C-alpha atoms as a PDB file:
ATOM      1  CA  MET A   1      61.775 155.783 123.609  1.00  0.00           C
ATOM      2  CA  LYS A   2      61.618 158.790 121.284  1.00  0.00           C
ATOM      3  CA  GLU A   3      58.415 159.917 122.947  1.00  0.00           C
ATOM      4  CA  GLN A   4      60.083 159.573 126.363  1.00  0.00           C
ATOM      5  CA  ILE A   5      63.022 161.725 125.274  1.00  0.00           C
ATOM      6  CA  LYS A   6      60.740 164.385 123.808  1.00  0.00           C
ATOM      7  CA  GLN A   7      58.716 164.455 127.019  1.00  0.00           C
ATOM      8  CA  ILE A   8      61.919 164.888 129.055  1.00  0.00           C
ATOM      9  CA  GLU A   9      62.945 167.761 126.784  1.00  0.00           C
ATOM     10  CA  GLU A  10      59.586 169.471 127.102  1.00  0.00           C
ATOM     11  CA  ASN A  11      59.495 169.165 130.899  1.00  0.00           C
ATOM     12  CA  ALA A  12      63.101 170.293 131.270  1.00  0.00           C
ATOM     13  CA  LEU A  13      62.671 173.394 129.086  1.00  0.00           C
ATOM     14  CA  GLN A  14      59.590 174.413 131.026  1.00  0.00           C
ATOM     15  CA  GLU A  15      61.273 174.001 134.436  1.00  0.00           C
ATOM     16  CA  ILE A  16      64.460 175.762 133.302  1.00  0.00           C
ATOM     17  CA  LYS A  17      62.508 178.769 132.067  1.00  0.00           C
ATOM     18  CA  SER A  18      60.570 178.983 135.337  1.00  0.00           C
ATOM     19  CA  ALA A  19      63.687 178.756 137.597  1.00  0.00           C
ATOM     20  CA  LYS A  20      63.642 181.709 140.028  1.00  0.00           C
ATOM     21  CA  ASP A  21      67.268 181.671 141.166  1.00  0.00           C
ATOM     22  CA  LEU A  22      70.643 180.065 140.502  1.00  0.00           C
ATOM     23  CA  LYS A  23      70.137 177.356 143.109  1.00  0.00           C
ATOM     24  CA  GLU A  24      66.877 176.222 141.524  1.00  0.00           C
ATOM     25  CA  LEU A  25      68.507 176.312 138.076  1.00  0.00           C
ATOM     26  CA  ASN A  26      71.361 174.135 139.301  1.00  0.00           C
ATOM     27  CA  ASP A  27      68.841 171.661 140.726  1.00  0.00           C
ATOM     28  CA  GLN A  28      67.293 171.368 137.235  1.00  0.00           C
ATOM     29  CA  ARG A  29      70.744 170.830 135.713  1.00  0.00           C
ATOM     30  CA  VAL A  30      71.377 167.925 138.094  1.00  0.00           C
ATOM     31  CA  LYS A  31      67.863 166.516 137.590  1.00  0.00           C
ATOM     32  CA  TYR A  32      68.184 166.192 133.808  1.00  0.00           C
ATOM     33  CA  LEU A  33      71.911 166.224 132.975  1.00  0.00           C
ATOM     34  CA  GLY A  34      73.578 164.875 136.130  1.00  0.00           C
ATOM     35  CA  LYS A  35      75.121 161.419 136.572  1.00  0.00           C
ATOM     36  CA  LYS A  36      71.756 160.115 137.723  1.00  0.00           C
ATOM     37  CA  GLY A  37      69.741 162.544 135.599  1.00  0.00           C
ATOM     38  CA  GLU A  38      66.807 161.531 133.403  1.00  0.00           C
ATOM     39  CA  LEU A  39      68.740 161.800 130.113  1.00  0.00           C
ATOM     40  CA  THR A  40      71.612 159.784 131.550  1.00  0.00           C
ATOM     41  CA  VAL A  41      69.184 157.030 132.571  1.00  0.00           C
ATOM     42  CA  VAL A  42      67.890 156.891 128.976  1.00  0.00           C
ATOM     43  CA  LEU A  43      71.439 156.496 127.631  1.00  0.00           C
ATOM     44  CA  ARG A  44      72.098 153.627 130.033  1.00  0.00           C
ATOM     45  CA  GLY A  45      68.987 151.847 128.726  1.00  0.00           C
ATOM     46  CA  MET A  46      70.143 151.846 125.121  1.00  0.00           C
ATOM     47  CA  GLY A  47      71.605 148.366 125.538  1.00  0.00           C
ATOM     48  CA  SER A  48      68.130 146.906 125.056  1.00  0.00           C
ATOM     49  CA  LEU A  49      67.706 148.582 121.649  1.00  0.00           C
ATOM     50  CA  SER A  50      68.423 147.010 118.276  1.00  0.00           C
ATOM     51  CA  PRO A  51      71.635 147.966 116.439  1.00  0.00           C
ATOM     52  CA  GLU A  52      69.573 150.060 114.011  1.00  0.00           C
ATOM     53  CA  GLU A  53      67.830 152.069 116.775  1.00  0.00           C
ATOM     54  CA  ARG A  54      70.893 152.848 118.869  1.00  0.00           C
ATOM     55  CA  PRO A  55      72.481 155.547 116.644  1.00  0.00           C
ATOM     56  CA  VAL A  56      69.116 157.227 116.132  1.00  0.00           C
ATOM     57  CA  ILE A  57      68.309 157.361 119.834  1.00  0.00           C
ATOM     58  CA  GLY A  58      71.911 158.338 120.705  1.00  0.00           C
ATOM     59  CA  SER A  59      71.821 161.231 118.280  1.00  0.00           C
ATOM     60  CA  LEU A  60      68.456 162.400 119.626  1.00  0.00           C
ATOM     61  CA  VAL A  61      69.694 162.289 123.249  1.00  0.00           C
ATOM     62  CA  ASN A  62      72.809 164.312 122.351  1.00  0.00           C
ATOM     63  CA  GLN A  63      70.648 166.832 120.495  1.00  0.00           C
ATOM     64  CA  VAL A  64      68.363 167.249 123.493  1.00  0.00           C
ATOM     65  CA  ARG A  65      71.373 167.488 125.863  1.00  0.00           C
ATOM     66  CA  ASP A  66      72.899 170.288 123.749  1.00  0.00           C
ATOM     67  CA  GLU A  67      69.599 172.112 123.675  1.00  0.00           C
ATOM     68  CA  LEU A  68      69.146 171.896 127.450  1.00  0.00           C
ATOM     69  CA  GLU A  69      72.736 173.031 128.165  1.00  0.00           C
ATOM     70  CA  LYS A  70      72.255 176.008 125.857  1.00  0.00           C
ATOM     71  CA  GLU A  71      69.005 176.898 127.578  1.00  0.00           C
ATOM     72  CA  ILE A  72      70.587 176.545 131.024  1.00  0.00           C
ATOM     73  CA  GLN A  73      73.499 178.837 130.067  1.00  0.00           C
ATOM     74  CA  GLY A  74      71.120 181.463 128.801  1.00  0.00           C
ATOM     75  CA  LYS A  75      68.945 181.272 131.907  1.00  0.00           C
ATOM     76  CA  GLU A  76      72.034 181.419 134.136  1.00  0.00           C
ATOM     77  CA  ALA A  77      73.224 184.622 132.452  1.00  0.00           C
ATOM     78  CA  GLU A  78      69.751 186.120 132.858  1.00  0.00           C
ATOM     79  CA  LEU A  79      69.560 185.268 136.564  1.00  0.00           C
ATOM     80  CA  LYS A  80      73.060 186.704 137.205  1.00  0.00           C
ATOM     81  CA  ARG A  81      72.050 189.965 135.526  1.00  0.00           C
ATOM     82  CA  GLU A  82      68.933 190.144 137.667  1.00  0.00           C
ATOM     83  CA  GLU A  83      70.952 189.423 140.825  1.00  0.00           C
ATOM     84  CA  LEU A  84      73.481 192.136 139.946  1.00  0.00           C
ATOM     85  CA  ASN A  85      70.764 194.686 139.224  1.00  0.00           C
ATOM     86  CA  HIS A  86      69.113 193.864 142.540  1.00  0.00           C
ATOM     87  CA  LYS A  87      72.389 194.421 144.398  1.00  0.00           C
ATOM     88  CA  LEU A  88      73.000 197.700 142.591  1.00  0.00           C
ATOM     89  CA  GLN A  89      69.565 198.914 143.639  1.00  0.00           C
ATOM     90  CA  THR A  90      69.650 197.726 147.255  1.00  0.00           C
ATOM     91  CA  GLU A  91      73.361 198.093 148.113  1.00  0.00           C
ATOM     92  CA  THR A  92      74.023 201.598 146.901  1.00  0.00           C
ATOM     93  CA  ILE A  93      76.844 203.624 148.519  1.00  0.00           C
ATOM     94  CA  ASP A  94      76.448 207.276 149.353  1.00  0.00           C
ATOM     95  CA  VAL A  95      79.849 208.671 148.309  1.00  0.00           C
ATOM     96  CA  THR A  96      78.977 211.996 149.956  1.00  0.00           C
ATOM     97  CA  GLU A  97      78.680 210.430 153.406  1.00  0.00           C
ATOM     98  CA  PRO A  98      81.722 211.081 155.656  1.00  0.00           C
ATOM     99  CA  SER A  99      83.968 208.050 156.034  1.00  0.00           C
ATOM    100  CA  LYS A 100      84.867 206.482 159.354  1.00  0.00           C
ATOM    101  CA  LYS A 101      87.841 208.102 161.061  1.00  0.00           C
ATOM    102  CA  ILE A 102      90.936 205.932 160.976  1.00  0.00           C
ATOM    103  CA  GLU A 103      92.970 206.056 164.159  1.00  0.00           C
ATOM    104  CA  ILE A 104      96.700 205.783 163.483  1.00  0.00           C
ATOM    105  CA  GLY A 105      98.733 204.279 166.306  1.00  0.00           C
ATOM    106  CA  SER A 106     102.165 205.332 167.496  1.00  0.00           C
ATOM    107  CA  VAL A 107     105.164 203.718 169.137  1.00  0.00           C
ATOM    108  CA  HIS A 108     104.778 203.059 172.879  1.00  0.00           C
ATOM    109  CA  PRO A 109     107.104 205.262 174.984  1.00  0.00           C
ATOM    110  CA  VAL A 110     108.893 202.221 176.462  1.00  0.00           C
ATOM    111  CA  THR A 111     109.499 200.794 172.991  1.00  0.00           C
ATOM    112  CA  SER A 112     110.689 204.195 171.842  1.00  0.00           C
ATOM    113  CA  ILE A 113     113.165 204.437 174.743  1.00  0.00           C
ATOM    114  CA  ASN A 114     114.453 200.915 174.052  1.00  0.00           C
ATOM    115  CA  LYS A 115     115.029 201.733 170.402  1.00  0.00           C
ATOM    116  CA  GLU A 116     116.715 205.041 171.236  1.00  0.00           C
ATOM    117  CA  ILE A 117     119.105 203.424 173.721  1.00  0.00           C
ATOM    118  CA  GLU A 118     119.907 200.617 171.284  1.00  0.00           C
ATOM    119  CA  ASP A 119     120.765 203.196 168.617  1.00  0.00           C
ATOM    120  CA  ILE A 120     123.053 205.093 171.039  1.00  0.00           C
ATOM    121  CA  PHE A 121     125.077 202.023 171.986  1.00  0.00           C
ATOM    122  CA  ILE A 122     125.166 200.567 168.486  1.00  0.00           C
ATOM    123  CA  GLY A 123     126.731 203.883 167.523  1.00  0.00           C
ATOM    124  CA  LEU A 124     129.364 203.251 170.214  1.00  0.00           C
ATOM    125  CA  GLY A 125     130.221 199.853 168.740  1.00  0.00           C
ATOM    126  CA  TYR A 126     128.023 197.614 170.891  1.00  0.00           C
ATOM    127  CA  GLU A 127     126.027 194.595 169.726  1.00  0.00           C
ATOM    128  CA  VAL A 128     122.465 193.773 170.823  1.00  0.00           C
ATOM    129  CA  ALA A 129     122.218 190.394 172.575  1.00  0.00           C
ATOM    130  CA  ASP A 130     119.096 188.431 173.515  1.00  0.00           C
ATOM    131  CA  GLY A 131     118.282 185.427 175.688  1.00  0.00           C
ATOM    132  CA  PRO A 132     115.398 183.429 177.203  1.00  0.00           C
ATOM    133  CA  GLU A 133     112.949 185.028 179.620  1.00  0.00           C
ATOM    134  CA  VAL A 134     112.359 181.640 181.262  1.00  0.00           C
ATOM    135  CA  GLU A 135     115.854 181.084 182.588  1.00  0.00           C
ATOM    136  CA  LEU A 136     117.918 178.522 184.486  1.00  0.00           C
ATOM    137  CA  ALA A 137     118.706 179.609 188.027  1.00  0.00           C
ATOM    138  CA  ILE A 138     122.379 178.898 187.405  1.00  0.00           C
ATOM    139  CA  TYR A 139     122.486 181.733 184.848  1.00  0.00           C
ATOM    140  CA  ASN A 140     120.146 184.046 186.737  1.00  0.00           C
ATOM    141  CA  PHE A 141     122.051 183.680 190.029  1.00  0.00           C
ATOM    142  CA  ASP A 142     125.023 181.302 190.347  1.00  0.00           C
ATOM    143  CA  LYS A 143     127.024 182.528 187.355  1.00  0.00           C
ATOM    144  CA  LEU A 144     126.471 186.086 188.597  1.00  0.00           C
ATOM    145  CA  ASN A 145     128.017 185.517 192.045  1.00  0.00           C
ATOM    146  CA  THR A 146     124.645 185.303 193.790  1.00  0.00           C
ATOM    147  CA  PRO A 147     124.870 182.325 196.205  1.00  0.00           C
ATOM    148  CA  GLU A 148     121.948 180.170 197.329  1.00  0.00           C
ATOM    149  CA  ASP A 149     121.547 182.042 200.638  1.00  0.00           C
ATOM    150  CA  HIS A 150     121.307 185.466 198.988  1.00  0.00           C
ATOM    151  CA  PRO A 151     118.011 187.336 199.704  1.00  0.00           C
ATOM    152  CA  ALA A 152     117.441 187.979 195.982  1.00  0.00           C
ATOM    153  CA  ARG A 153     116.852 184.245 195.538  1.00  0.00           C
ATOM    154  CA  ASP A 154     113.938 184.184 197.989  1.00  0.00           C
ATOM    155  CA  SER A 155     110.535 183.359 196.550  1.00  0.00           C
ATOM    156  CA  GLN A 156     109.162 186.713 197.697  1.00  0.00           C
ATOM    157  CA  ASP A 157     111.518 188.405 195.221  1.00  0.00           C
ATOM    158  CA  THR A 158     111.724 185.901 192.346  1.00  0.00           C
ATOM    159  CA  PHE A 159     109.120 183.952 190.343  1.00  0.00           C
ATOM    160  CA  TYR A 160     110.048 180.253 190.408  1.00  0.00           C
ATOM    161  CA  ILE A 161     108.727 177.741 187.883  1.00  0.00           C
ATOM    162  CA  THR A 162     110.707 174.883 189.429  1.00  0.00           C
ATOM    163  CA  ASP A 163     113.574 174.875 191.922  1.00  0.00           C
ATOM    164  CA  ASP A 164     116.016 175.327 189.034  1.00  0.00           C
ATOM    165  CA  ILE A 165     113.981 177.431 186.584  1.00  0.00           C
ATOM    166  CA  VAL A 166     112.848 181.030 187.106  1.00  0.00           C
ATOM    167  CA  LEU A 167     111.434 183.976 185.239  1.00  0.00           C
ATOM    168  CA  ARG A 168     114.581 186.046 184.827  1.00  0.00           C
ATOM    169  CA  SER A 169     114.803 188.872 187.350  1.00  0.00           C
ATOM    170  CA  GLN A 170     117.252 190.868 185.197  1.00  0.00           C
ATOM    171  CA  THR A 171     118.794 190.581 181.736  1.00  0.00           C
ATOM    172  CA  SER A 172     122.192 189.774 183.295  1.00  0.00           C
ATOM    173  CA  PRO A 173     121.812 186.053 182.389  1.00  0.00           C
ATOM    174  CA  VAL A 174     122.220 187.132 178.760  1.00  0.00           C
ATOM    175  CA  GLN A 175     125.613 188.580 179.731  1.00  0.00           C
ATOM    176  CA  ALA A 176     126.644 185.289 181.354  1.00  0.00           C
ATOM    177  CA  ARG A 177     125.606 183.299 178.290  1.00  0.00           C
ATOM    178  CA  VAL A 178     127.551 185.627 175.980  1.00  0.00           C
ATOM    179  CA  MET A 179     130.675 185.478 178.182  1.00  0.00           C
ATOM    180  CA  GLU A 180     130.493 181.672 178.113  1.00  0.00           C
ATOM    181  CA  SER A 181     130.145 181.451 174.354  1.00  0.00           C
ATOM    182  CA  LYS A 182     132.324 184.334 173.137  1.00  0.00           C
ATOM    183  CA  LYS A 183     135.906 185.321 173.831  1.00  0.00           C
ATOM    184  CA  PRO A 184     136.733 188.942 174.748  1.00  0.00           C
ATOM    185  CA  PRO A 185     136.595 191.662 173.635  1.00  0.00           C
ATOM    186  CA  ILE A 186     132.860 191.821 174.360  1.00  0.00           C
ATOM    187  CA  ARG A 187     130.643 194.894 173.983  1.00  0.00           C
ATOM    188  CA  ILE A 188     126.929 194.150 174.255  1.00  0.00           C
ATOM    189  CA  ILE A 189     123.638 195.560 175.475  1.00  0.00           C
ATOM    190  CA  CYS A 190     120.824 193.271 176.572  1.00  0.00           C
ATOM    191  CA  PRO A 191     117.304 194.725 176.372  1.00  0.00           C
ATOM    192  CA  GLY A 192     114.211 192.772 177.383  1.00  0.00           C
ATOM    193  CA  ALA A 193     111.371 192.070 179.777  1.00  0.00           C
ATOM    194  CA  VAL A 194     112.161 190.956 183.338  1.00  0.00           C
ATOM    195  CA  TYR A 195     110.023 189.720 186.230  1.00  0.00           C
ATOM    196  CA  ARG A 196     110.126 190.336 189.970  1.00  0.00           C
ATOM    197  CA  SER A 197     107.628 189.585 192.709  1.00  0.00           C
ATOM    198  CA  ASP A 198     106.769 193.232 193.378  1.00  0.00           C
ATOM    199  CA  SER A 199     103.414 194.755 194.215  1.00  0.00           C
ATOM    200  CA  VAL A 200     102.078 197.217 191.680  1.00  0.00           C
ATOM    201  CA  ASP A 201     102.427 200.864 192.678  1.00  0.00           C
ATOM    202  CA  SER A 202     103.550 204.134 191.140  1.00  0.00           C
ATOM    203  CA  THR A 203     107.198 203.023 190.870  1.00  0.00           C
ATOM    204  CA  HIS A 204     107.041 199.196 190.831  1.00  0.00           C
ATOM    205  CA  SER A 205     105.615 196.482 188.605  1.00  0.00           C
ATOM    206  CA  PRO A 206     106.068 192.681 188.546  1.00  0.00           C
ATOM    207  CA  VAL A 207     106.859 193.000 184.827  1.00  0.00           C
ATOM    208  CA  PHE A 208     109.106 195.699 183.450  1.00  0.00           C
ATOM    209  CA  HIS A 209     111.898 196.213 180.915  1.00  0.00           C
ATOM    210  CA  GLN A 210     115.624 196.404 181.484  1.00  0.00           C
ATOM    211  CA  ILE A 211     118.554 197.384 179.308  1.00  0.00           C
ATOM    212  CA  GLU A 212     121.887 196.125 180.557  1.00  0.00           C
ATOM    213  CA  GLY A 213     125.336 196.706 179.115  1.00  0.00           C
ATOM    214  CA  LEU A 214     128.576 194.741 179.347  1.00  0.00           C
ATOM    215  CA  VAL A 215     132.144 195.444 178.236  1.00  0.00           C
ATOM    216  CA  ILE A 216     134.954 192.909 178.720  1.00  0.00           C
ATOM    217  CA  ASP A 217     138.459 193.627 177.446  1.00  0.00           C
ATOM    218  CA  LYS A 218     142.005 194.187 178.633  1.00  0.00           C
ATOM    219  CA  ASN A 219     142.694 197.205 180.857  1.00  0.00           C
ATOM    220  CA  ILE A 220     139.059 198.293 181.271  1.00  0.00           C
ATOM    221  CA  THR A 221     138.692 200.676 184.226  1.00  0.00           C
ATOM    222  CA  MET A 222     136.070 202.610 186.159  1.00  0.00           C
ATOM    223  CA  ALA A 223     136.992 205.644 184.052  1.00  0.00           C
ATOM    224  CA  ASP A 224     135.784 203.824 180.921  1.00  0.00           C
ATOM    225  CA  LEU A 225     132.491 203.116 182.672  1.00  0.00           C
ATOM    226  CA  LYS A 226     132.030 206.729 183.769  1.00  0.00           C
ATOM    227  CA  GLY A 227     132.866 208.087 180.311  1.00  0.00           C
ATOM    228  CA  THR A 228     130.453 205.664 178.638  1.00  0.00           C
ATOM    229  CA  LEU A 229     127.582 206.556 180.951  1.00  0.00           C
ATOM    230  CA  GLU A 230     128.230 210.298 180.520  1.00  0.00           C
ATOM    231  CA  VAL A 231     127.933 209.924 176.737  1.00  0.00           C
ATOM    232  CA  PHE A 232     124.775 207.840 177.161  1.00  0.00           C
ATOM    233  CA  ALA A 233     123.130 210.327 179.560  1.00  0.00           C
ATOM    234  CA  LYS A 234     123.865 213.335 177.350  1.00  0.00           C
ATOM    235  CA  LYS A 235     122.576 211.652 174.186  1.00  0.00           C
ATOM    236  CA  CYS A 236     119.463 210.258 175.870  1.00  0.00           C
ATOM    237  CA  LEU A 237     118.486 213.062 178.260  1.00  0.00           C
ATOM    238  CA  GLY A 238     120.159 216.159 176.797  1.00  0.00           C
ATOM    239  CA  GLU A 239     123.634 217.615 176.363  1.00  0.00           C
ATOM    240  CA  ASN A 240     123.500 219.506 179.659  1.00  0.00           C
ATOM    241  CA  THR A 241     122.899 216.350 181.697  1.00  0.00           C
ATOM    242  CA  LYS A 242     125.424 215.572 184.438  1.00  0.00           C
ATOM    243  CA  ILE A 243     125.930 212.285 186.276  1.00  0.00           C
ATOM    244  CA  ARG A 244     127.157 211.336 189.728  1.00  0.00           C
ATOM    245  CA  PHE A 245     128.184 208.009 191.250  1.00  0.00           C
ATOM    246  CA  ARG A 246     127.109 206.865 194.721  1.00  0.00           C
ATOM    247  CA  PRO A 247     128.665 203.786 196.380  1.00  0.00           C
ATOM    248  CA  HIS A 248     126.410 200.742 196.377  1.00  0.00           C
ATOM    249  CA  HIS A 249     126.571 196.949 196.471  1.00  0.00           C
ATOM    250  CA  PHE A 250     125.696 194.439 193.778  1.00  0.00           C
ATOM    251  CA  PRO A 251     126.903 190.827 194.032  1.00  0.00           C
ATOM    252  CA  PHE A 252     128.042 190.740 190.394  1.00  0.00           C
ATOM    253  CA  THR A 253     130.129 193.944 190.396  1.00  0.00           C
ATOM    254  CA  GLU A 254     132.944 195.255 192.613  1.00  0.00           C
ATOM    255  CA  PRO A 255     133.208 198.170 193.119  1.00  0.00           C
ATOM    256  CA  SER A 256     129.536 199.011 192.506  1.00  0.00           C
ATOM    257  CA  ALA A 257     127.667 202.298 192.219  1.00  0.00           C
ATOM    258  CA  GLU A 258     124.255 203.836 191.754  1.00  0.00           C
ATOM    259  CA  VAL A 259     124.191 206.526 189.087  1.00  0.00           C
ATOM    260  CA  ASP A 260     122.090 209.681 189.343  1.00  0.00           C
ATOM    261  CA  VAL A 261     121.520 212.223 186.576  1.00  0.00           C
ATOM    262  CA  SER A 262     120.891 215.909 187.020  1.00  0.00           C
ATOM    263  CA  CYS A 263     117.216 216.728 186.760  1.00  0.00           C
ATOM    264  CA  PHE A 264     116.472 217.576 183.147  1.00  0.00           C
ATOM    265  CA  VAL A 265     113.486 219.718 184.214  1.00  0.00           C
ATOM    266  CA  CYS A 266     115.143 222.081 186.671  1.00  0.00           C
ATOM    267  CA  GLY A 267     118.789 221.560 185.758  1.00  0.00           C
ATOM    268  CA  GLY A 268     119.651 220.503 189.309  1.00  0.00           C
ATOM    269  CA  LYS A 269     118.002 223.346 191.212  1.00  0.00           C
ATOM    270  CA  GLY A 270     115.250 221.174 192.699  1.00  0.00           C
ATOM    271  CA  CYS A 271     111.670 220.692 191.518  1.00  0.00           C
ATOM    272  CA  LYS A 272     108.667 218.377 191.757  1.00  0.00           C
ATOM    273  CA  THR A 273     110.111 215.919 189.259  1.00  0.00           C
ATOM    274  CA  CYS A 274     113.316 215.357 191.255  1.00  0.00           C
ATOM    275  CA  LYS A 275     111.537 215.852 194.620  1.00  0.00           C
ATOM    276  CA  GLY A 276     113.658 218.902 195.360  1.00  0.00           C
ATOM    277  CA  GLU A 277     116.960 217.014 195.251  1.00  0.00           C
ATOM    278  CA  GLY A 278     118.191 218.143 191.836  1.00  0.00           C
ATOM    279  CA  TRP A 279     119.136 214.553 190.968  1.00  0.00           C
ATOM    280  CA  ILE A 280     117.210 211.545 189.637  1.00  0.00           C
ATOM    281  CA  GLU A 281     118.366 207.977 190.271  1.00  0.00           C
ATOM    282  CA  LEU A 282     118.791 206.268 186.904  1.00  0.00           C
ATOM    283  CA  LEU A 283     120.771 203.027 186.969  1.00  0.00           C
ATOM    284  CA  GLY A 284     123.199 200.706 188.729  1.00  0.00           C
ATOM    285  CA  CYS A 285     126.675 199.828 187.536  1.00  0.00           C
ATOM    286  CA  GLY A 286     130.142 198.640 188.499  1.00  0.00           C
ATOM    287  CA  MET A 287     133.216 196.691 187.505  1.00  0.00           C
ATOM    288  CA  VAL A 288     132.478 193.045 186.739  1.00  0.00           C
ATOM    289  CA  HIS A 289     133.284 190.920 189.794  1.00  0.00           C
ATOM    290  CA  PRO A 290     136.279 188.566 189.282  1.00  0.00           C
ATOM    291  CA  ASN A 291     134.096 185.635 190.413  1.00  0.00           C
ATOM    292  CA  VAL A 292     131.643 186.346 187.568  1.00  0.00           C
ATOM    293  CA  LEU A 293     134.497 186.321 185.056  1.00  0.00           C
ATOM    294  CA  ARG A 294     135.802 183.011 186.445  1.00  0.00           C
ATOM    295  CA  ASN A 295     132.316 181.455 186.478  1.00  0.00           C
ATOM    296  CA  CYS A 296     131.983 182.265 182.768  1.00  0.00           C
ATOM    297  CA  GLY A 297     135.427 181.003 181.772  1.00  0.00           C
ATOM    298  CA  ILE A 298     137.271 184.345 181.544  1.00  0.00           C
ATOM    299  CA  ASP A 299     140.594 184.928 183.334  1.00  0.00           C
ATOM    300  CA  PRO A 300     140.224 187.971 185.649  1.00  0.00           C
ATOM    301  CA  GLU A 301     144.023 188.329 185.715  1.00  0.00           C
ATOM    302  CA  GLU A 302     143.996 189.065 181.983  1.00  0.00           C
ATOM    303  CA  TYR A 303     140.615 190.742 181.442  1.00  0.00           C
ATOM    304  CA  SER A 304     138.440 193.240 183.277  1.00  0.00           C
ATOM    305  CA  GLY A 305     135.139 194.836 182.445  1.00  0.00           C
ATOM    306  CA  PHE A 306     132.189 196.916 183.501  1.00  0.00           C
ATOM    307  CA  ALA A 307     128.443 196.364 183.510  1.00  0.00           C
ATOM    308  CA  PHE A 308     125.420 198.566 183.984  1.00  0.00           C
ATOM    309  CA  GLY A 309     121.675 198.165 183.984  1.00  0.00           C
ATOM    310  CA  CYS A 310     118.697 200.486 183.879  1.00  0.00           C
ATOM    311  CA  GLY A 311     114.943 200.190 183.655  1.00  0.00           C
ATOM    312  CA  ALA A 312     113.409 201.416 180.405  1.00  0.00           C
ATOM    313  CA  GLU A 313     110.295 202.535 182.295  1.00  0.00           C
ATOM    314  CA  ARG A 314     112.410 204.578 184.713  1.00  0.00           C
ATOM    315  CA  ILE A 315     114.160 206.366 181.848  1.00  0.00           C
ATOM    316  CA  ALA A 316     110.823 206.984 180.119  1.00  0.00           C
ATOM    317  CA  MET A 317     109.429 208.424 183.342  1.00  0.00           C
ATOM    318  CA  ALA A 318     112.477 210.659 183.783  1.00  0.00           C
ATOM    319  CA  LYS A 319     112.560 211.810 180.170  1.00  0.00           C
ATOM    320  CA  TYR A 320     108.832 212.463 179.766  1.00  0.00           C
ATOM    321  CA  GLY A 321     108.054 213.659 183.306  1.00  0.00           C
ATOM    322  CA  ILE A 322     105.750 210.704 184.130  1.00  0.00           C
ATOM    323  CA  ASP A 323     105.132 210.327 187.854  1.00  0.00           C
ATOM    324  CA  ASP A 324     103.319 206.965 187.867  1.00  0.00           C
ATOM    325  CA  MET A 325     104.643 203.824 186.163  1.00  0.00           C
ATOM    326  CA  ARG A 326     101.134 202.363 185.919  1.00  0.00           C
ATOM    327  CA  LEU A 327     100.290 204.917 183.243  1.00  0.00           C
ATOM    328  CA  LEU A 328     102.695 203.096 180.914  1.00  0.00           C
ATOM    329  CA  PHE A 329     100.734 199.821 181.188  1.00  0.00           C
ATOM    330  CA  GLU A 330      97.106 200.910 181.443  1.00  0.00           C
ATOM    331  CA  ASN A 331      96.804 201.468 177.661  1.00  0.00           C
ATOM    332  CA  ASP A 332      94.815 204.663 178.027  1.00  0.00           C
ATOM    333  CA  VAL A 333      94.879 206.114 174.510  1.00  0.00           C
ATOM    334  CA  ARG A 334      94.451 209.643 175.875  1.00  0.00           C
ATOM    335  CA  PHE A 335      97.769 209.225 177.684  1.00  0.00           C
ATOM    336  CA  LEU A 336      99.688 207.257 175.040  1.00  0.00           C
ATOM    337  CA  LYS A 337      98.783 209.550 172.119  1.00  0.00           C
ATOM    338  CA  GLN A 338     100.922 212.270 173.725  1.00  0.00           C
ATOM    339  CA  PHE A 339     103.990 210.339 172.640  1.00  0.00           C
END
């Protein structure tokens, strides 16, 4: 058995020294020192030896094992040095070569407008409220005084998932949910994406962003609404901005109005941006309809309120002089980097 062990040692040392890479070296480690390696097999056969031979053979096996492990460690260190030197020679970096240009992004104009409007109304004491974009029809329509026979509920205007579930067509459902869950006074704005079945053109998109506002309290009047929107327009579009109200109809407000702002480009004289009118339509507003208050559990005899809503894209177009809404969604870096 001694001759067998010596032969194993001799073969192992020769193969370890001739290993060309770490994988081959590891194969030799497993071959001689692994659980089924040649030295391990010798140890398992010691049961057939006499009591006098066992300690001698055991000591010799351990001596050979130590010698092979030492040799393997040395060879491993040598191969790692060679591998490192090879990488240093073949993977050199030219530090004088110009680096790749890193493009730094910026905030999208619609996101910027949203953030700016949020900051304005938070400064006026409002809270930011949020709600689901996939909404129950009862919150998107019924709670807001929009009956089943109203044209806005037709499938050509609204995206239906089921008969009772829609993609919200405005952020007004958030207002209804807040009125149901919170007692007045209420002062909130509701920003978010909305969906309508519109064809894509320079002023329409099936997906756009709205920011709506709601105030419910005692003795709220149209004068409070007008004063609030004047402050908003001046802070968002410039201190010289003027507003005007035009009568309109919305099912969830009464009385209702469309709000125009004086053209920030020409100051109201008439130009290409305002199409010669001197005014730019900005948003819709009105006093909250008593039916909406009742539907949401608020007594219209005790409380009143106003609501308004505007499209973030429309404000971005007005503020930055953009004449085509599609530019905001086409992700053309040449256009977006201006902002």
